[in-house]
Amino acid sequence: VMGSIDGRDICKELKLSQHRHIPVLQMSVVNKFYNDPKKPLHADDYIEKPFDLDVMVGKVRSLMNNVQIN
């Protein structure tokens, strides 16, 4: 959490902007970060810290394979 805003807020703004095509992988050490119904996650994927590097690389590859350039 970064002060009064957090990564979900930043991601939401990104996804509402002209840059919405950029894939976002959010990372957090907070267990309930992903499933907070009051504040939805606007990322394309999520990984909880600490994470296995191979899992992260797999998620990034998957996101990059799904990128659609307009």
C-alpha atoms as a PDB file:
ATOM      1  CA  VAL A   1       0.000   0.000   0.000  1.00  0.00           C
ATOM      2  CA  MET A   2       1.356   3.376  -1.028  1.00  0.00           C
ATOM      3  CA  GLY A   3      -0.245   6.033   1.165  1.00  0.00           C
ATOM      4  CA  SER A   4      -3.872   6.744   0.322  1.00  0.00           C
ATOM      5  CA  ILE A   5      -3.714   4.914  -3.012  1.00  0.00           C
ATOM      6  CA  ASP A   6      -2.534   1.427  -3.795  1.00  0.00           C
ATOM      7  CA  GLY A   7      -1.686  -0.677  -6.820  1.00  0.00           C
ATOM      8  CA  ARG A   8      -5.347  -1.428  -7.492  1.00  0.00           C
ATOM      9  CA  ASP A   9      -6.080   2.291  -7.836  1.00  0.00           C
ATOM     10  CA  ILE A  10      -3.161   2.802 -10.196  1.00  0.00           C
ATOM     11  CA  CYS A  11      -4.140  -0.247 -12.237  1.00  0.00           C
ATOM     12  CA  LYS A  12      -7.743   0.953 -12.496  1.00  0.00           C
ATOM     13  CA  GLU A  13      -6.588   4.309 -13.852  1.00  0.00           C
ATOM     14  CA  LEU A  14      -4.300   2.554 -16.335  1.00  0.00           C
ATOM     15  CA  LYS A  15      -7.104   0.272 -17.532  1.00  0.00           C
ATOM     16  CA  LEU A  16      -9.402   3.279 -18.038  1.00  0.00           C
ATOM     17  CA  SER A  17      -6.777   5.138 -20.064  1.00  0.00           C
ATOM     18  CA  GLN A  18      -5.457   4.908 -23.598  1.00  0.00           C
ATOM     19  CA  HIS A  19      -2.873   2.459 -22.203  1.00  0.00           C
ATOM     20  CA  ARG A  20      -5.453  -0.176 -21.230  1.00  0.00           C
ATOM     21  CA  HIS A  21      -3.877  -2.679 -23.637  1.00  0.00           C
ATOM     22  CA  ILE A  22      -0.763  -2.934 -21.436  1.00  0.00           C
ATOM     23  CA  PRO A  23      -0.954  -6.171 -19.438  1.00  0.00           C
ATOM     24  CA  VAL A  24      -0.623  -5.797 -15.673  1.00  0.00           C
ATOM     25  CA  LEU A  25       0.647  -8.432 -13.252  1.00  0.00           C
ATOM     26  CA  GLN A  26       0.104  -7.239  -9.704  1.00  0.00           C
ATOM     27  CA  MET A  27       2.189  -8.578  -6.848  1.00  0.00           C
ATOM     28  CA  SER A  28       1.375  -8.323  -3.166  1.00  0.00           C
ATOM     29  CA  VAL A  29       2.400  -9.781   0.150  1.00  0.00           C
ATOM     30  CA  VAL A  30      -1.112  -9.086   1.498  1.00  0.00           C
ATOM     31  CA  ASN A  31      -3.107 -12.340   1.362  1.00  0.00           C
ATOM     32  CA  LYS A  32      -6.539 -10.720   1.014  1.00  0.00           C
ATOM     33  CA  PHE A  33      -5.400  -8.185  -1.591  1.00  0.00           C
ATOM     34  CA  TYR A  34      -6.717 -10.216  -4.513  1.00  0.00           C
ATOM     35  CA  ASN A  35     -10.121 -11.125  -3.067  1.00  0.00           C
ATOM     36  CA  ASP A  36     -11.248  -7.818  -1.540  1.00  0.00           C
ATOM     37  CA  PRO A  37     -14.842  -7.351  -2.808  1.00  0.00           C
ATOM     38  CA  LYS A  38     -14.800  -3.676  -1.778  1.00  0.00           C
ATOM     39  CA  LYS A  39     -11.890  -2.925  -4.069  1.00  0.00           C
ATOM     40  CA  PRO A  40     -11.721  -5.083  -7.198  1.00  0.00           C
ATOM     41  CA  LEU A  41      -8.435  -5.920  -8.815  1.00  0.00           C
ATOM     42  CA  HIS A  42      -8.148  -4.472 -12.308  1.00  0.00           C
ATOM     43  CA  ALA A  43      -4.990  -6.370 -13.172  1.00  0.00           C
ATOM     44  CA  ASP A  44      -4.791  -9.080 -15.791  1.00  0.00           C
ATOM     45  CA  ASP A  45      -3.189 -11.460 -13.311  1.00  0.00           C
ATOM     46  CA  TYR A  46      -1.968 -11.585  -9.728  1.00  0.00           C
ATOM     47  CA  ILE A  47       0.845 -13.273  -7.845  1.00  0.00           C
ATOM     48  CA  GLU A  48       1.351 -13.381  -4.101  1.00  0.00           C
ATOM     49  CA  LYS A  49       4.761 -12.658  -2.566  1.00  0.00           C
ATOM     50  CA  PRO A  50       6.950 -14.485  -1.977  1.00  0.00           C
ATOM     51  CA  PHE A  51       6.652 -16.198  -5.323  1.00  0.00           C
ATOM     52  CA  ASP A  52       8.599 -18.723  -7.325  1.00  0.00           C
ATOM     53  CA  LEU A  53      10.497 -17.028 -10.157  1.00  0.00           C
ATOM     54  CA  ASP A  54       9.455 -19.721 -12.642  1.00  0.00           C
ATOM     55  CA  VAL A  55       5.786 -19.109 -11.789  1.00  0.00           C
ATOM     56  CA  MET A  56       6.224 -15.364 -12.314  1.00  0.00           C
ATOM     57  CA  VAL A  57       7.993 -15.883 -15.644  1.00  0.00           C
ATOM     58  CA  GLY A  58       5.176 -18.199 -16.742  1.00  0.00           C
ATOM     59  CA  LYS A  59       2.556 -15.593 -15.855  1.00  0.00           C
ATOM     60  CA  VAL A  60       4.455 -12.856 -17.709  1.00  0.00           C
ATOM     61  CA  ARG A  61       4.837 -15.063 -20.784  1.00  0.00           C
ATOM     62  CA  SER A  62       1.140 -15.877 -20.708  1.00  0.00           C
ATOM     63  CA  LEU A  63       0.223 -12.195 -20.483  1.00  0.00           C
ATOM     64  CA  MET A  64       2.581 -11.290 -23.313  1.00  0.00           C
ATOM     65  CA  ASN A  65       1.149 -14.049 -25.518  1.00  0.00           C
ATOM     66  CA  ASN A  66      -2.316 -12.563 -25.028  1.00  0.00           C
ATOM     67  CA  VAL A  67      -1.374  -8.967 -25.894  1.00  0.00           C
ATOM     68  CA  GLN A  68      -3.379  -7.565 -28.782  1.00  0.00           C
ATOM     69  CA  ILE A  69      -1.782  -4.615 -30.490  1.00  0.00           C
ATOM     70  CA  ASN A  70      -4.272  -2.294 -32.167  1.00  0.00           C
END
